[in-house]
N, C-alpha and C. Protein backbone atom coordinates (compact mmCIF):
# COMPACT_ATOMS: atom_id res chain seq x y z
N MET A 1 102.11 113.09 90.55
CA MET A 1 101.75 112.24 89.43
C MET A 1 100.33 112.60 88.99
N ASN A 2 100.15 112.91 87.73
CA ASN A 2 98.84 113.20 87.18
C ASN A 2 98.40 112.05 86.27
N THR A 3 97.14 111.70 86.37
CA THR A 3 96.61 110.63 85.54
C THR A 3 95.12 110.84 85.32
N ASP A 4 94.62 110.29 84.24
CA ASP A 4 93.19 110.32 83.96
C ASP A 4 92.53 108.98 84.28
N LEU A 5 93.24 108.11 84.96
CA LEU A 5 92.73 106.79 85.27
C LEU A 5 91.76 106.82 86.44
N ALA A 6 90.83 105.88 86.43
CA ALA A 6 89.88 105.73 87.54
C ALA A 6 89.78 104.26 87.90
N VAL A 7 89.49 103.99 89.16
CA VAL A 7 89.34 102.63 89.66
C VAL A 7 88.09 102.60 90.53
N ILE A 8 87.34 101.51 90.45
CA ILE A 8 86.19 101.34 91.32
C ILE A 8 86.53 100.27 92.34
N PHE A 9 86.52 100.67 93.61
CA PHE A 9 86.77 99.78 94.74
C PHE A 9 85.62 99.94 95.73
N PRO A 10 85.38 98.93 96.55
CA PRO A 10 84.50 99.17 97.71
C PRO A 10 85.12 100.29 98.56
N LYS A 11 84.27 101.08 99.18
CA LYS A 11 84.74 102.25 99.93
C LYS A 11 85.77 101.87 100.99
N SER A 12 85.56 100.75 101.69
CA SER A 12 86.49 100.35 102.75
C SER A 12 87.89 100.08 102.19
N ILE A 13 87.97 99.47 101.03
CA ILE A 13 89.27 99.20 100.41
C ILE A 13 89.89 100.48 99.88
N ALA A 14 89.08 101.33 99.27
CA ALA A 14 89.59 102.61 98.75
C ALA A 14 90.22 103.43 99.87
N ARG A 15 89.59 103.44 101.04
CA ARG A 15 90.15 104.19 102.17
C ARG A 15 91.48 103.61 102.63
N ARG A 16 91.59 102.28 102.60
CA ARG A 16 92.86 101.65 103.01
C ARG A 16 93.98 102.02 102.04
N PHE A 17 93.68 102.03 100.74
CA PHE A 17 94.69 102.39 99.75
C PHE A 17 95.02 103.88 99.77
N ASN A 18 94.14 104.68 100.31
CA ASN A 18 94.29 106.13 100.25
C ASN A 18 94.63 106.74 101.61
N ARG A 19 95.31 106.01 102.44
CA ARG A 19 95.67 106.54 103.77
C ARG A 19 96.50 107.81 103.69
N SER A 20 97.27 107.95 102.62
CA SER A 20 98.11 109.15 102.48
C SER A 20 97.34 110.31 101.84
N LYS A 21 96.08 110.10 101.52
CA LYS A 21 95.22 111.12 100.90
C LYS A 21 95.75 111.58 99.54
N ALA A 22 96.40 110.67 98.82
CA ALA A 22 96.96 111.00 97.51
C ALA A 22 95.90 111.01 96.40
N PHE A 23 94.74 110.40 96.67
CA PHE A 23 93.70 110.29 95.65
C PHE A 23 92.40 110.88 96.16
N ARG A 24 91.55 111.24 95.23
CA ARG A 24 90.19 111.67 95.59
C ARG A 24 89.29 110.46 95.56
N ILE A 25 88.46 110.31 96.58
CA ILE A 25 87.46 109.24 96.61
C ILE A 25 86.11 109.89 96.36
N LEU A 26 85.47 109.47 95.29
CA LEU A 26 84.19 110.04 94.89
C LEU A 26 83.12 108.96 94.88
N PRO A 27 81.89 109.31 95.22
CA PRO A 27 80.81 108.32 95.15
C PRO A 27 80.44 108.07 93.69
N LEU A 28 79.99 106.85 93.40
CA LEU A 28 79.50 106.57 92.05
C LEU A 28 78.19 107.31 91.82
N PRO A 29 77.94 107.75 90.60
CA PRO A 29 76.69 108.46 90.32
C PRO A 29 75.52 107.51 90.06
N PHE A 30 75.69 106.24 90.40
CA PHE A 30 74.63 105.24 90.21
C PHE A 30 74.80 104.16 91.27
N ALA A 31 73.73 103.42 91.52
CA ALA A 31 73.76 102.37 92.54
C ALA A 31 74.28 101.06 91.94
N LEU A 32 75.00 100.32 92.75
CA LEU A 32 75.46 98.99 92.35
C LEU A 32 74.80 97.95 93.25
N PRO A 33 74.58 96.75 92.73
CA PRO A 33 74.05 95.70 93.61
C PRO A 33 75.13 95.28 94.61
N PRO A 34 74.72 94.71 95.73
CA PRO A 34 75.72 94.25 96.71
C PRO A 34 76.66 93.23 96.08
N ILE A 35 77.88 93.21 96.57
CA ILE A 35 78.88 92.27 96.10
C ILE A 35 78.98 91.13 97.11
N GLU A 36 78.86 89.91 96.63
CA GLU A 36 78.99 88.75 97.50
C GLU A 36 80.43 88.25 97.43
N ILE A 37 81.04 88.09 98.58
CA ILE A 37 82.42 87.60 98.65
C ILE A 37 82.40 86.26 99.36
N GLN A 38 82.99 85.27 98.73
CA GLN A 38 83.07 83.93 99.32
C GLN A 38 84.52 83.47 99.31
N VAL A 39 84.88 82.70 100.31
CA VAL A 39 86.21 82.14 100.39
C VAL A 39 86.07 80.62 100.39
N HIS A 40 86.75 80.00 99.48
CA HIS A 40 86.72 78.54 99.37
C HIS A 40 88.13 78.00 99.48
N SER A 41 88.28 76.87 100.15
CA SER A 41 89.57 76.19 100.18
C SER A 41 89.33 74.69 100.22
N GLN A 42 90.30 73.95 99.77
CA GLN A 42 90.17 72.50 99.74
C GLN A 42 90.30 71.93 101.15
N THR A 43 89.55 70.86 101.41
CA THR A 43 89.56 70.27 102.75
C THR A 43 90.94 69.76 103.13
N GLN A 44 91.76 69.40 102.17
CA GLN A 44 93.10 68.90 102.49
C GLN A 44 93.97 69.97 103.15
N PHE A 45 93.58 71.25 103.02
CA PHE A 45 94.33 72.34 103.62
C PHE A 45 93.65 72.89 104.88
N ALA A 46 92.63 72.20 105.38
CA ALA A 46 91.86 72.70 106.52
C ALA A 46 92.74 72.91 107.76
N ALA A 47 93.76 72.10 107.94
CA ALA A 47 94.62 72.23 109.12
C ALA A 47 95.83 73.13 108.89
N ASP A 48 95.95 73.69 107.70
CA ASP A 48 97.10 74.54 107.37
C ASP A 48 96.94 75.90 108.05
N ALA A 49 97.91 76.25 108.89
CA ALA A 49 97.83 77.50 109.66
C ALA A 49 97.82 78.73 108.75
N GLY A 50 98.57 78.71 107.67
CA GLY A 50 98.61 79.84 106.74
C GLY A 50 97.29 80.06 106.04
N ILE A 51 96.66 78.98 105.60
CA ILE A 51 95.35 79.07 104.94
C ILE A 51 94.30 79.56 105.94
N ALA A 52 94.36 79.04 107.17
CA ALA A 52 93.41 79.48 108.20
C ALA A 52 93.57 80.98 108.47
N TRP A 53 94.82 81.44 108.55
CA TRP A 53 95.07 82.88 108.76
C TRP A 53 94.50 83.70 107.61
N LEU A 54 94.72 83.26 106.37
CA LEU A 54 94.22 83.99 105.22
C LEU A 54 92.70 84.06 105.22
N ARG A 55 92.03 82.93 105.49
CA ARG A 55 90.56 82.93 105.56
C ARG A 55 90.07 83.90 106.63
N GLU A 56 90.67 83.87 107.80
CA GLU A 56 90.26 84.75 108.90
C GLU A 56 90.52 86.22 108.56
N THR A 57 91.62 86.51 107.90
CA THR A 57 91.95 87.88 107.52
C THR A 57 90.95 88.41 106.50
N ILE A 58 90.64 87.61 105.50
CA ILE A 58 89.66 88.02 104.49
C ILE A 58 88.29 88.22 105.15
N HIS A 59 87.91 87.31 106.04
CA HIS A 59 86.63 87.45 106.73
C HIS A 59 86.58 88.74 107.54
N ALA A 60 87.66 89.04 108.26
CA ALA A 60 87.70 90.26 109.07
C ALA A 60 87.61 91.52 108.20
N MET A 61 88.21 91.48 107.02
CA MET A 61 88.21 92.66 106.14
C MET A 61 86.83 92.94 105.57
N PHE A 62 86.08 91.88 105.24
CA PHE A 62 84.86 92.07 104.48
C PHE A 62 83.58 91.77 105.24
N HIS A 63 83.65 91.18 106.42
CA HIS A 63 82.44 90.81 107.16
C HIS A 63 81.68 92.06 107.61
N GLN A 64 80.40 92.05 107.30
CA GLN A 64 79.52 93.14 107.74
C GLN A 64 78.35 92.49 108.48
N PRO A 65 78.25 92.71 109.78
CA PRO A 65 77.15 92.10 110.56
C PRO A 65 75.79 92.47 109.96
N ALA A 66 74.88 91.53 110.02
CA ALA A 66 73.53 91.75 109.46
C ALA A 66 72.74 92.74 110.26
């Protein structure tokens, strides 16, 4: 498949999508500010096992120790 399309992803996500090495991953030619990721959920769902799993999964994917 040939295309002229481009997508900007964080490097960690780009690598996950490109496990088969079907795409070229190139660095941006300019700096970007850090991206802040926050997860919010309503307190009424605090005990929901599915919501807890999703929060933990997102945290594990994006957490970078200081």
